[in-house]
Amino acid sequence: TGNLLANHLLMDLYEDDPEELIRRLQPAAVINNRGFAPGDYSTPERDFDPESANPDSDAKRPIEACQSAGVNSWGFRNEEDYYSIRYFLNRIDRTLAAGGNYLLNIGPAGDGSVVPFERDVLLAVGRWLSKYGEAVYDTEASPYAGVQWWHSTRREHTLYVMTPDASAESEIRIPAAGNRLVGARSLGDGAELAFRREGSEYVVARPAAGDIYGVAALEFE
């Protein structure tokens, strides 16, 4: 009986619309876009830009981006090449700026131990989040996603600006649209950041690098 049921379900998946079948059997299920239909949310993988995850849709969809610590594999691999810690923080911030979640995968060895570099990545990301978590947790997508060398999130009247590009300018330029900028501080140490208005932009001093790179908290009226 079990095999007949499994075969029947398999035939349904191939002959019918799997998404329609899932919604009929379990209406509360949340479905990603890796089947034969768009589903409820998009899952950009590797270096696929999170802000362009839904190029054919006028409506913003939830995003859950995923990346592996290893360049060549999602599991354990001898002589693996790895992305840098700065790279992961940059991708995490970029995904947050697009309003998405980020899945960071590692590939433990056969005995369950974590490869030293992958351990270092997880610890470094954890330290950065502990220091700059105000810019990450309970925040919303940035109104400026995908258009600058910096990434940002926001909460109420505060815009958090991450500055991962070490080779970029010493100042951050923000479009001066909407509410007036009244204060700027470095999130890591609380130091005040100089700012001024130039035409249609606010120009803010870049925060100190701190742990890998800094974050500016901009307060608007």
N, C-alpha and C. Protein backbone atom coordinates (compact mmCIF):
# COMPACT_ATOMS: atom_id res chain seq x y z
N THR A 1 0.83 -1.20 0.00
CA THR A 1 0.00 0.00 0.00
C THR A 1 0.86 1.25 0.00
N GLY A 2 1.96 1.22 0.80
CA GLY A 2 2.85 2.37 0.86
C GLY A 2 3.47 2.67 -0.49
N ASN A 3 3.90 1.60 -1.21
CA ASN A 3 4.51 1.81 -2.52
C ASN A 3 3.50 2.35 -3.52
N LEU A 4 2.26 1.83 -3.47
CA LEU A 4 1.24 2.33 -4.37
C LEU A 4 0.96 3.80 -4.13
N LEU A 5 0.92 4.20 -2.84
CA LEU A 5 0.67 5.61 -2.51
C LEU A 5 1.83 6.48 -2.97
N ALA A 6 3.06 6.00 -2.74
CA ALA A 6 4.23 6.76 -3.16
C ALA A 6 4.27 6.92 -4.67
N ASN A 7 3.97 5.82 -5.40
CA ASN A 7 3.96 5.88 -6.86
C ASN A 7 2.87 6.83 -7.36
N HIS A 8 1.72 6.80 -6.69
CA HIS A 8 0.63 7.68 -7.09
C HIS A 8 1.03 9.14 -6.89
N LEU A 9 1.68 9.43 -5.75
CA LEU A 9 2.12 10.79 -5.48
C LEU A 9 3.18 11.22 -6.48
N LEU A 10 4.11 10.31 -6.82
CA LEU A 10 5.14 10.62 -7.79
C LEU A 10 4.52 10.92 -9.15
N MET A 11 3.52 10.14 -9.55
CA MET A 11 2.83 10.39 -10.83
C MET A 11 2.14 11.74 -10.79
N ASP A 12 1.54 12.09 -9.64
CA ASP A 12 0.88 13.39 -9.52
C ASP A 12 1.88 14.53 -9.69
N LEU A 13 3.08 14.35 -9.11
CA LEU A 13 4.08 15.40 -9.19
C LEU A 13 4.53 15.65 -10.62
N TYR A 14 4.60 14.58 -11.40
CA TYR A 14 5.06 14.73 -12.77
C TYR A 14 3.93 15.09 -13.74
N GLU A 15 2.73 14.61 -13.48
CA GLU A 15 1.64 14.81 -14.42
C GLU A 15 0.80 16.04 -14.09
N ASP A 16 0.77 16.43 -12.82
CA ASP A 16 -0.03 17.57 -12.42
C ASP A 16 0.88 18.72 -12.01
N ASP A 17 0.29 19.79 -11.55
CA ASP A 17 1.03 20.94 -11.05
C ASP A 17 1.40 20.65 -9.60
N PRO A 18 2.71 20.43 -9.29
CA PRO A 18 3.09 20.09 -7.92
C PRO A 18 2.68 21.16 -6.91
N GLU A 19 2.80 22.42 -7.32
CA GLU A 19 2.45 23.49 -6.39
C GLU A 19 0.96 23.45 -6.06
N GLU A 20 0.14 23.20 -7.06
CA GLU A 20 -1.30 23.12 -6.81
C GLU A 20 -1.61 21.94 -5.90
N LEU A 21 -0.90 20.81 -6.10
CA LEU A 21 -1.10 19.63 -5.26
C LEU A 21 -0.73 19.91 -3.81
N ILE A 22 0.43 20.57 -3.61
CA ILE A 22 0.88 20.88 -2.26
C ILE A 22 -0.10 21.81 -1.57
N ARG A 23 -0.57 22.82 -2.28
CA ARG A 23 -1.48 23.79 -1.67
C ARG A 23 -2.83 23.14 -1.35
N ARG A 24 -3.19 22.15 -2.14
CA ARG A 24 -4.46 21.45 -1.88
C ARG A 24 -4.33 20.55 -0.66
N LEU A 25 -3.18 19.88 -0.52
CA LEU A 25 -2.98 18.96 0.59
C LEU A 25 -2.58 19.68 1.88
N GLN A 26 -1.82 20.74 1.73
CA GLN A 26 -1.35 21.48 2.91
C GLN A 26 -1.34 22.98 2.59
N PRO A 27 -2.48 23.64 2.73
CA PRO A 27 -2.62 25.05 2.33
C PRO A 27 -1.63 25.99 3.01
N ALA A 28 -1.16 25.67 4.21
CA ALA A 28 -0.27 26.57 4.94
C ALA A 28 1.20 26.41 4.54
N ALA A 29 1.50 25.49 3.63
CA ALA A 29 2.90 25.25 3.24
C ALA A 29 3.47 26.48 2.54
N VAL A 30 4.75 26.73 2.78
CA VAL A 30 5.49 27.80 2.10
C VAL A 30 6.39 27.14 1.08
N ILE A 31 6.32 27.56 -0.17
CA ILE A 31 6.98 26.88 -1.29
C ILE A 31 8.02 27.81 -1.92
N ASN A 32 9.22 27.28 -2.16
CA ASN A 32 10.23 28.11 -2.83
C ASN A 32 10.07 28.01 -4.35
N ASN A 33 10.98 28.65 -5.08
CA ASN A 33 10.85 28.74 -6.53
C ASN A 33 11.69 27.71 -7.27
N ARG A 34 12.01 26.59 -6.63
CA ARG A 34 12.88 25.60 -7.27
C ARG A 34 12.11 24.44 -7.88
N GLY A 35 10.82 24.60 -8.05
CA GLY A 35 10.04 23.58 -8.71
C GLY A 35 9.64 24.03 -10.11
N PHE A 36 8.40 23.75 -10.47
CA PHE A 36 7.92 24.08 -11.81
C PHE A 36 7.06 25.34 -11.81
N ALA A 37 7.01 26.04 -10.67
CA ALA A 37 6.19 27.24 -10.56
C ALA A 37 6.94 28.26 -9.70
N PRO A 38 6.52 29.52 -9.73
CA PRO A 38 7.25 30.58 -9.01
C PRO A 38 7.31 30.39 -7.50
N GLY A 39 6.33 29.72 -6.90
CA GLY A 39 6.34 29.54 -5.45
C GLY A 39 6.07 30.84 -4.72
N ASP A 40 6.44 30.84 -3.43
CA ASP A 40 6.18 32.00 -2.57
C ASP A 40 7.38 32.90 -2.39
N TYR A 41 8.59 32.37 -2.58
CA TYR A 41 9.78 33.19 -2.38
C TYR A 41 10.91 32.71 -3.28
N SER A 42 11.90 33.58 -3.51
CA SER A 42 13.01 33.28 -4.40
C SER A 42 14.24 32.85 -3.62
N THR A 43 15.07 32.02 -4.24
CA THR A 43 16.24 31.45 -3.56
C THR A 43 17.51 31.64 -4.40
N PRO A 44 17.99 32.88 -4.55
CA PRO A 44 19.24 33.08 -5.31
C PRO A 44 20.40 32.34 -4.65
N GLU A 45 21.25 31.75 -5.48
CA GLU A 45 22.33 30.89 -4.99
C GLU A 45 23.68 31.39 -5.46
N ARG A 46 24.69 31.17 -4.61
CA ARG A 46 26.06 31.56 -4.91
C ARG A 46 26.13 33.08 -5.13
N ASP A 47 26.66 33.54 -6.26
CA ASP A 47 26.85 34.97 -6.48
C ASP A 47 25.70 35.63 -7.22
N PHE A 48 24.57 34.96 -7.29
CA PHE A 48 23.41 35.56 -7.96
C PHE A 48 22.94 36.74 -7.12
N ASP A 49 22.81 37.92 -7.74
CA ASP A 49 22.46 39.13 -7.00
C ASP A 49 21.08 39.02 -6.38
N PRO A 50 20.95 39.20 -5.07
CA PRO A 50 19.63 39.08 -4.43
C PRO A 50 18.64 40.12 -4.91
N GLU A 51 19.14 41.33 -5.25
CA GLU A 51 18.20 42.37 -5.66
C GLU A 51 17.64 42.13 -7.07
N SER A 52 18.22 41.20 -7.83
CA SER A 52 17.70 40.88 -9.15
C SER A 52 17.11 39.47 -9.18
N ALA A 53 16.70 38.98 -8.01
CA ALA A 53 16.17 37.62 -7.92
C ALA A 53 14.83 37.47 -8.61
N ASN A 54 14.11 38.56 -8.79
CA ASN A 54 12.78 38.50 -9.39
C ASN A 54 12.69 39.48 -10.56
N PRO A 55 13.51 39.30 -11.59
CA PRO A 55 13.57 40.30 -12.66
C PRO A 55 12.28 40.43 -13.46
N ASP A 56 11.43 39.40 -13.46
CA ASP A 56 10.21 39.44 -14.28
C ASP A 56 8.97 39.77 -13.47
N SER A 57 9.18 40.16 -12.22
CA SER A 57 8.03 40.42 -11.35
C SER A 57 8.00 41.88 -10.94
N ASP A 58 6.82 42.48 -10.99
CA ASP A 58 6.67 43.86 -10.56
C ASP A 58 6.59 43.95 -9.03
N ALA A 59 6.19 42.88 -8.40
CA ALA A 59 6.03 42.87 -6.95
C ALA A 59 7.27 42.30 -6.29
N LYS A 60 7.66 42.89 -5.16
CA LYS A 60 8.79 42.36 -4.40
C LYS A 60 8.39 41.07 -3.72
N ARG A 61 9.22 40.05 -3.86
CA ARG A 61 8.97 38.76 -3.24
C ARG A 61 9.99 38.52 -2.15
N PRO A 62 9.64 37.72 -1.14
CA PRO A 62 10.64 37.36 -0.13
C PRO A 62 11.83 36.65 -0.78
N ILE A 63 13.02 36.85 -0.20
CA ILE A 63 14.26 36.29 -0.73
C ILE A 63 14.98 35.53 0.37
N GLU A 64 15.52 34.37 0.03
CA GLU A 64 16.40 33.64 0.93
C GLU A 64 17.60 33.18 0.12
N ALA A 65 18.67 33.97 0.18
CA ALA A 65 19.88 33.66 -0.58
C ALA A 65 20.70 32.60 0.15
N CYS A 66 21.47 31.82 -0.61
CA CYS A 66 22.29 30.78 0.01
C CYS A 66 23.68 30.75 -0.63
N GLN A 67 24.66 30.45 0.20
CA GLN A 67 26.05 30.40 -0.25
C GLN A 67 26.79 29.39 0.63
N SER A 68 27.80 28.77 0.05
CA SER A 68 28.62 27.82 0.79
C SER A 68 29.99 28.43 1.08
N ALA A 69 30.58 28.04 2.21
CA ALA A 69 31.91 28.54 2.55
C ALA A 69 32.94 28.12 1.50
N GLY A 70 32.75 26.94 0.91
CA GLY A 70 33.67 26.45 -0.10
C GLY A 70 33.29 26.94 -1.49
N VAL A 71 34.31 27.29 -2.27
CA VAL A 71 34.07 27.78 -3.63
C VAL A 71 33.55 26.67 -4.54
N ASN A 72 34.02 25.43 -4.34
CA ASN A 72 33.75 24.36 -5.29
C ASN A 72 32.70 23.35 -4.83
N SER A 73 32.32 23.37 -3.56
CA SER A 73 31.45 22.32 -3.07
C SER A 73 30.55 22.82 -1.95
N TRP A 74 29.41 22.11 -1.78
CA TRP A 74 28.51 22.39 -0.67
C TRP A 74 28.76 21.41 0.49
N GLY A 75 29.65 20.47 0.29
CA GLY A 75 30.00 19.51 1.34
C GLY A 75 31.49 19.53 1.59
N PHE A 76 31.98 18.53 2.32
CA PHE A 76 33.41 18.47 2.62
C PHE A 76 34.19 18.14 1.35
N ARG A 77 35.34 18.78 1.20
CA ARG A 77 36.19 18.53 0.02
C ARG A 77 37.63 18.79 0.41
N ASN A 78 38.50 17.82 0.13
CA ASN A 78 39.92 18.02 0.36
C ASN A 78 40.45 19.13 -0.55
N GLU A 79 41.35 19.94 -0.02
CA GLU A 79 41.99 21.00 -0.79
C GLU A 79 40.94 21.94 -1.39
N GLU A 80 39.98 22.32 -0.59
CA GLU A 80 38.94 23.25 -1.01
C GLU A 80 39.48 24.69 -1.02
N ASP A 81 38.95 25.49 -1.91
CA ASP A 81 39.22 26.93 -1.90
C ASP A 81 38.06 27.60 -1.17
N TYR A 82 38.37 28.68 -0.43
CA TYR A 82 37.34 29.32 0.38
C TYR A 82 37.24 30.81 0.07
N TYR A 83 36.02 31.33 0.24
CA TYR A 83 35.81 32.77 0.13
C TYR A 83 36.34 33.44 1.39
N SER A 84 36.64 34.73 1.30
CA SER A 84 37.14 35.46 2.45
C SER A 84 36.00 35.84 3.40
N ILE A 85 36.36 36.16 4.63
CA ILE A 85 35.36 36.60 5.61
C ILE A 85 34.71 37.90 5.15
N ARG A 86 35.50 38.82 4.61
CA ARG A 86 34.95 40.08 4.09
C ARG A 86 33.91 39.79 3.00
N TYR A 87 34.20 38.82 2.16
CA TYR A 87 33.25 38.46 1.10
C TYR A 87 31.91 38.05 1.70
N PHE A 88 31.92 37.19 2.72
CA PHE A 88 30.66 36.73 3.30
C PHE A 88 29.88 37.87 3.95
N LEU A 89 30.57 38.73 4.68
CA LEU A 89 29.88 39.86 5.30
C LEU A 89 29.28 40.77 4.24
N ASN A 90 30.01 40.98 3.17
CA ASN A 90 29.50 41.80 2.07
C ASN A 90 28.22 41.19 1.49
N ARG A 91 28.23 39.87 1.25
CA ARG A 91 27.06 39.22 0.67
C ARG A 91 25.89 39.19 1.65
N ILE A 92 26.18 38.99 2.93
CA ILE A 92 25.11 39.01 3.92
C ILE A 92 24.46 40.38 3.95
N ASP A 93 25.28 41.43 3.99
CA ASP A 93 24.74 42.79 4.04
C ASP A 93 23.96 43.12 2.78
N ARG A 94 24.45 42.67 1.65
CA ARG A 94 23.76 42.94 0.39
C ARG A 94 22.39 42.26 0.35
N THR A 95 22.33 41.05 0.90
CA THR A 95 21.05 40.34 0.95
C THR A 95 20.09 41.02 1.92
N LEU A 96 20.60 41.46 3.08
CA LEU A 96 19.76 42.17 4.04
C LEU A 96 19.23 43.47 3.43
N ALA A 97 20.07 44.16 2.66
CA ALA A 97 19.64 45.41 2.04
C ALA A 97 18.49 45.18 1.06
N ALA A 98 18.42 43.96 0.50
CA ALA A 98 17.33 43.62 -0.42
C ALA A 98 16.14 43.03 0.33
N GLY A 99 16.22 43.00 1.68
CA GLY A 99 15.11 42.50 2.47
C GLY A 99 15.07 40.99 2.60
N GLY A 100 16.20 40.31 2.37
CA GLY A 100 16.20 38.85 2.37
C GLY A 100 16.85 38.22 3.57
N ASN A 101 16.73 36.90 3.66
CA ASN A 101 17.46 36.08 4.62
C ASN A 101 18.68 35.49 3.92
N TYR A 102 19.67 35.08 4.71
CA TYR A 102 20.90 34.54 4.14
C TYR A 102 21.25 33.21 4.82
N LEU A 103 21.43 32.18 4.01
CA LEU A 103 21.84 30.87 4.51
C LEU A 103 23.32 30.66 4.21
N LEU A 104 24.13 30.43 5.24
CA LEU A 104 25.56 30.18 5.07
C LEU A 104 25.85 28.72 5.36
N ASN A 105 26.28 27.99 4.34
CA ASN A 105 26.49 26.55 4.44
C ASN A 105 27.96 26.23 4.70
N ILE A 106 28.21 25.20 5.50
CA ILE A 106 29.56 24.67 5.67
C ILE A 106 29.52 23.16 5.40
N GLY A 107 30.71 22.58 5.16
CA GLY A 107 30.80 21.15 4.89
C GLY A 107 31.68 20.45 5.90
N PRO A 108 31.12 19.94 6.99
CA PRO A 108 31.92 19.25 8.01
C PRO A 108 32.62 18.02 7.43
N ALA A 109 33.70 17.63 8.09
CA ALA A 109 34.42 16.41 7.70
C ALA A 109 33.59 15.19 8.06
N GLY A 110 34.07 14.01 7.64
CA GLY A 110 33.33 12.78 7.87
C GLY A 110 33.10 12.46 9.34
N ASP A 111 33.97 12.93 10.23
CA ASP A 111 33.81 12.68 11.66
C ASP A 111 32.95 13.74 12.35
N GLY A 112 32.39 14.65 11.55
CA GLY A 112 31.52 15.69 12.11
C GLY A 112 32.25 16.95 12.53
N SER A 113 33.57 16.96 12.46
CA SER A 113 34.33 18.14 12.87
C SER A 113 34.22 19.23 11.80
N VAL A 114 34.34 20.47 12.25
CA VAL A 114 34.25 21.62 11.35
C VAL A 114 35.65 21.99 10.88
N VAL A 115 35.80 22.17 9.59
CA VAL A 115 37.08 22.55 9.01
C VAL A 115 37.54 23.88 9.65
N PRO A 116 38.81 24.01 10.02
CA PRO A 116 39.26 25.22 10.73
C PRO A 116 38.87 26.53 10.07
N PHE A 117 39.06 26.66 8.77
CA PHE A 117 38.72 27.94 8.15
C PHE A 117 37.22 28.20 8.20
N GLU A 118 36.41 27.17 8.02
CA GLU A 118 34.97 27.36 8.10
C GLU A 118 34.56 27.76 9.51
N ARG A 119 35.24 27.19 10.50
CA ARG A 119 35.01 27.61 11.89
C ARG A 119 35.36 29.08 12.06
N ASP A 120 36.50 29.50 11.47
CA ASP A 120 36.91 30.89 11.57
C ASP A 120 35.89 31.82 10.93
N VAL A 121 35.32 31.39 9.80
CA VAL A 121 34.29 32.20 9.13
C VAL A 121 33.08 32.38 10.02
N LEU A 122 32.59 31.28 10.60
CA LEU A 122 31.40 31.37 11.46
C LEU A 122 31.67 32.25 12.68
N LEU A 123 32.84 32.11 13.30
CA LEU A 123 33.17 32.91 14.46
C LEU A 123 33.29 34.39 14.10
N ALA A 124 33.93 34.68 12.96
CA ALA A 124 34.11 36.08 12.55
C ALA A 124 32.77 36.73 12.22
N VAL A 125 31.91 36.00 11.52
CA VAL A 125 30.58 36.53 11.22
C VAL A 125 29.81 36.77 12.52
N GLY A 126 29.93 35.83 13.47
CA GLY A 126 29.27 35.98 14.75
C GLY A 126 29.76 37.19 15.52
N ARG A 127 31.08 37.42 15.52
CA ARG A 127 31.64 38.60 16.20
C ARG A 127 31.14 39.88 15.56
N TRP A 128 31.11 39.90 14.24
CA TRP A 128 30.64 41.11 13.54
C TRP A 128 29.17 41.37 13.86
N LEU A 129 28.36 40.32 13.87
CA LEU A 129 26.94 40.49 14.19
C LEU A 129 26.75 40.92 15.64
N SER A 130 27.60 40.45 16.54
CA SER A 130 27.49 40.86 17.93
C SER A 130 27.76 42.35 18.09
N LYS A 131 28.69 42.86 17.30
CA LYS A 131 29.07 44.27 17.40
C LYS A 131 28.11 45.18 16.63
N TYR A 132 27.63 44.72 15.47
CA TYR A 132 26.83 45.58 14.61
C TYR A 132 25.40 45.06 14.43
N GLY A 133 24.96 44.21 15.35
CA GLY A 133 23.64 43.60 15.21
C GLY A 133 22.50 44.59 15.13
N GLU A 134 22.68 45.79 15.69
CA GLU A 134 21.64 46.81 15.59
C GLU A 134 21.26 47.11 14.14
N ALA A 135 22.24 46.97 13.23
CA ALA A 135 22.00 47.25 11.82
C ALA A 135 21.44 46.05 11.07
N VAL A 136 21.29 44.91 11.78
CA VAL A 136 20.91 43.67 11.13
C VAL A 136 19.55 43.16 11.59
N TYR A 137 19.39 43.01 12.90
CA TYR A 137 18.19 42.37 13.44
C TYR A 137 17.02 43.36 13.52
N ASP A 138 15.83 42.86 13.15
CA ASP A 138 14.60 43.67 13.20
C ASP A 138 14.71 44.93 12.36
N THR A 139 15.39 44.82 11.22
CA THR A 139 15.49 45.95 10.29
C THR A 139 14.71 45.63 9.02
N GLU A 140 14.57 46.65 8.18
CA GLU A 140 13.84 46.51 6.92
C GLU A 140 14.79 46.68 5.74
N ALA A 141 14.29 46.34 4.57
CA ALA A 141 15.08 46.49 3.34
C ALA A 141 15.42 47.96 3.11
N SER A 142 16.54 48.17 2.47
CA SER A 142 16.99 49.52 2.16
C SER A 142 16.24 50.10 0.97
N PRO A 143 15.98 51.41 1.00
CA PRO A 143 15.42 52.05 -0.20
C PRO A 143 16.48 52.25 -1.28
N TYR A 144 17.75 51.93 -0.96
CA TYR A 144 18.85 52.15 -1.91
C TYR A 144 19.54 50.84 -2.29
N ALA A 145 18.86 49.72 -2.24
CA ALA A 145 19.48 48.42 -2.50
C ALA A 145 20.06 48.33 -3.91
N GLY A 146 21.30 47.85 -3.97
CA GLY A 146 21.90 47.51 -5.26
C GLY A 146 22.38 48.66 -6.11
N VAL A 147 22.53 49.88 -5.54
CA VAL A 147 22.90 51.00 -6.41
C VAL A 147 24.18 51.71 -5.98
N GLN A 148 24.81 51.30 -4.87
CA GLN A 148 26.02 51.95 -4.39
C GLN A 148 27.08 50.93 -4.00
N TRP A 149 28.26 51.44 -3.65
CA TRP A 149 29.32 50.57 -3.13
C TRP A 149 29.06 50.21 -1.68
N TRP A 150 28.08 50.88 -1.07
CA TRP A 150 27.68 50.54 0.29
C TRP A 150 26.31 49.88 0.27
N HIS A 151 25.98 49.20 1.37
CA HIS A 151 24.67 48.57 1.53
C HIS A 151 24.00 49.17 2.76
N SER A 152 22.69 49.10 2.83
CA SER A 152 22.03 49.70 3.98
C SER A 152 20.74 48.97 4.35
N THR A 153 20.39 49.12 5.61
CA THR A 153 19.10 48.67 6.14
C THR A 153 18.50 49.84 6.90
N ARG A 154 17.28 49.69 7.38
CA ARG A 154 16.69 50.79 8.13
C ARG A 154 15.75 50.27 9.21
N ARG A 155 15.58 51.11 10.22
CA ARG A 155 14.60 50.86 11.27
C ARG A 155 14.02 52.22 11.67
N GLU A 156 12.72 52.39 11.46
CA GLU A 156 12.04 53.64 11.76
C GLU A 156 12.79 54.81 11.10
N HIS A 157 13.38 55.73 11.90
CA HIS A 157 14.03 56.91 11.32
C HIS A 157 15.54 56.77 11.20
N THR A 158 16.06 55.55 11.35
CA THR A 158 17.50 55.33 11.28
C THR A 158 17.86 54.51 10.05
N LEU A 159 18.84 54.99 9.30
CA LEU A 159 19.38 54.27 8.15
C LEU A 159 20.77 53.77 8.54
N TYR A 160 21.00 52.45 8.41
CA TYR A 160 22.30 51.85 8.74
C TYR A 160 23.05 51.59 7.44
N VAL A 161 24.26 52.15 7.34
CA VAL A 161 25.04 52.05 6.11
C VAL A 161 26.29 51.22 6.36
N MET A 162 26.40 50.06 5.67
CA MET A 162 27.57 49.20 5.76
C MET A 162 28.54 49.58 4.65
N THR A 163 29.84 49.58 4.95
CA THR A 163 30.83 50.05 3.97
C THR A 163 31.89 48.97 3.70
N PRO A 164 31.53 47.93 2.95
CA PRO A 164 32.46 46.80 2.76
C PRO A 164 33.59 47.03 1.77
N ASP A 165 33.45 47.99 0.87
CA ASP A 165 34.43 48.17 -0.19
C ASP A 165 35.61 49.00 0.33
N ALA A 166 36.73 48.33 0.58
CA ALA A 166 37.89 49.00 1.17
C ALA A 166 38.51 50.02 0.22
N SER A 167 38.27 49.89 -1.07
CA SER A 167 38.90 50.78 -2.05
C SER A 167 38.02 51.97 -2.42
N ALA A 168 36.83 52.07 -1.82
CA ALA A 168 35.89 53.12 -2.20
C ALA A 168 36.20 54.44 -1.50
N GLU A 169 35.32 55.40 -1.70
CA GLU A 169 35.52 56.75 -1.21
C GLU A 169 35.58 56.82 0.32
N SER A 170 36.11 57.93 0.82
CA SER A 170 36.18 58.16 2.26
C SER A 170 34.90 58.78 2.79
N GLU A 171 33.96 59.11 1.89
CA GLU A 171 32.68 59.69 2.29
C GLU A 171 31.52 58.92 1.66
N ILE A 172 30.41 58.92 2.36
CA ILE A 172 29.20 58.25 1.88
C ILE A 172 28.23 59.31 1.38
N ARG A 173 27.69 59.12 0.20
CA ARG A 173 26.73 60.08 -0.37
C ARG A 173 25.34 59.45 -0.38
N ILE A 174 24.41 60.13 0.29
CA ILE A 174 23.03 59.65 0.44
C ILE A 174 22.09 60.62 -0.25
N PRO A 175 21.18 60.16 -1.09
CA PRO A 175 20.20 61.08 -1.67
C PRO A 175 19.43 61.82 -0.58
N ALA A 176 19.33 63.13 -0.71
CA ALA A 176 18.66 63.96 0.29
C ALA A 176 17.18 64.08 -0.02
N ALA A 177 16.52 62.96 -0.06
CA ALA A 177 15.08 62.95 -0.33
C ALA A 177 14.35 62.57 0.94
N GLY A 178 13.24 63.25 1.21
CA GLY A 178 12.46 62.90 2.40
C GLY A 178 12.92 63.66 3.63
N ASN A 179 12.98 62.97 4.76
CA ASN A 179 13.27 63.62 6.03
C ASN A 179 14.70 64.16 6.10
N ARG A 180 14.89 65.16 6.98
CA ARG A 180 16.20 65.81 7.14
C ARG A 180 17.12 64.97 8.00
N LEU A 181 18.39 64.86 7.60
CA LEU A 181 19.39 64.16 8.37
C LEU A 181 19.80 65.03 9.56
N VAL A 182 19.71 64.50 10.78
CA VAL A 182 19.99 65.30 11.98
C VAL A 182 21.16 64.75 12.80
N GLY A 183 21.65 63.55 12.48
CA GLY A 183 22.76 63.00 13.24
C GLY A 183 23.37 61.80 12.55
N ALA A 184 24.66 61.57 12.82
CA ALA A 184 25.36 60.42 12.24
C ALA A 184 26.39 59.93 13.24
N ARG A 185 26.47 58.62 13.44
CA ARG A 185 27.42 58.04 14.38
C ARG A 185 27.97 56.73 13.84
N SER A 186 29.14 56.38 14.33
CA SER A 186 29.74 55.09 14.00
C SER A 186 29.14 54.05 14.93
N LEU A 187 28.58 52.99 14.38
CA LEU A 187 27.87 52.01 15.19
C LEU A 187 28.81 51.22 16.09
N GLY A 188 30.05 51.05 15.68
CA GLY A 188 30.96 50.24 16.47
C GLY A 188 31.39 50.90 17.76
N ASP A 189 31.76 52.19 17.71
CA ASP A 189 32.30 52.87 18.89
C ASP A 189 31.48 54.07 19.33
N GLY A 190 30.39 54.38 18.60
CA GLY A 190 29.54 55.49 18.99
C GLY A 190 30.06 56.86 18.62
N ALA A 191 31.22 56.93 17.94
CA ALA A 191 31.79 58.22 17.58
C ALA A 191 30.89 58.97 16.60
N GLU A 192 30.79 60.28 16.80
CA GLU A 192 30.00 61.10 15.88
C GLU A 192 30.71 61.20 14.55
N LEU A 193 29.91 61.20 13.48
CA LEU A 193 30.45 61.32 12.12
C LEU A 193 30.03 62.66 11.53
N ALA A 194 30.98 63.36 10.94
CA ALA A 194 30.67 64.65 10.31
C ALA A 194 29.78 64.42 9.10
N PHE A 195 28.85 65.35 8.88
CA PHE A 195 28.01 65.26 7.69
C PHE A 195 27.62 66.67 7.25
N ARG A 196 27.26 66.79 5.99
CA ARG A 196 26.86 68.06 5.41
C ARG A 196 25.94 67.79 4.24
N ARG A 197 25.27 68.83 3.79
CA ARG A 197 24.43 68.68 2.60
C ARG A 197 25.10 69.37 1.42
N GLU A 198 25.11 68.65 0.29
CA GLU A 198 25.63 69.20 -0.95
C GLU A 198 24.59 69.00 -2.04
N GLY A 199 23.85 70.05 -2.35
CA GLY A 199 22.82 69.95 -3.37
C GLY A 199 21.76 68.93 -3.00
N SER A 200 21.61 67.90 -3.81
CA SER A 200 20.57 66.89 -3.60
C SER A 200 21.08 65.69 -2.82
N GLU A 201 22.25 65.83 -2.15
CA GLU A 201 22.83 64.71 -1.42
C GLU A 201 23.27 65.13 -0.02
N TYR A 202 23.28 64.15 0.89
CA TYR A 202 23.98 64.29 2.15
C TYR A 202 25.32 63.58 2.01
N VAL A 203 26.37 64.20 2.52
CA VAL A 203 27.71 63.62 2.47
C VAL A 203 28.13 63.33 3.91
N VAL A 204 28.41 62.07 4.20
CA VAL A 204 28.71 61.62 5.56
C VAL A 204 30.10 61.00 5.58
N ALA A 205 30.87 61.33 6.62
CA ALA A 205 32.20 60.72 6.77
C ALA A 205 32.07 59.22 6.95
N ARG A 206 32.97 58.50 6.34
CA ARG A 206 32.95 57.05 6.44
C ARG A 206 33.37 56.60 7.83
N PRO A 207 32.68 55.64 8.45
CA PRO A 207 33.07 55.17 9.79
C PRO A 207 34.39 54.41 9.74
N ALA A 208 35.06 54.35 10.90
CA ALA A 208 36.31 53.60 10.99
C ALA A 208 36.06 52.13 10.66
N ALA A 209 37.09 51.48 10.15
CA ALA A 209 36.94 50.10 9.68
C ALA A 209 36.50 49.16 10.79
N GLY A 210 37.01 49.35 12.00
CA GLY A 210 36.60 48.47 13.10
C GLY A 210 36.91 47.02 12.80
N ASP A 211 35.95 46.13 13.05
CA ASP A 211 36.11 44.70 12.75
C ASP A 211 35.77 44.45 11.29
N ILE A 212 36.78 44.41 10.46
CA ILE A 212 36.69 44.16 9.01
C ILE A 212 36.19 45.41 8.28
N TYR A 213 35.00 45.90 8.60
CA TYR A 213 34.57 47.21 8.08
C TYR A 213 33.47 47.75 8.98
N GLY A 214 33.28 49.08 8.88
CA GLY A 214 32.39 49.76 9.81
C GLY A 214 30.98 49.94 9.30
N VAL A 215 30.13 50.47 10.20
CA VAL A 215 28.72 50.74 9.90
C VAL A 215 28.39 52.12 10.44
N ALA A 216 27.73 52.93 9.65
CA ALA A 216 27.27 54.25 10.07
C ALA A 216 25.77 54.19 10.35
N ALA A 217 25.35 54.82 11.45
CA ALA A 217 23.94 54.93 11.79
C ALA A 217 23.52 56.38 11.55
N LEU A 218 22.63 56.61 10.61
CA LEU A 218 22.19 57.95 10.25
C LEU A 218 20.78 58.19 10.77
N GLU A 219 20.63 59.23 11.55
CA GLU A 219 19.34 59.54 12.17
C GLU A 219 18.63 60.64 11.38
N PHE A 220 17.38 60.36 10.99
CA PHE A 220 16.59 61.34 10.25
C PHE A 220 15.40 61.79 11.10
N GLU A 221 14.93 62.98 10.81
CA GLU A 221 13.75 63.50 11.52
C GLU A 221 12.52 62.62 11.27
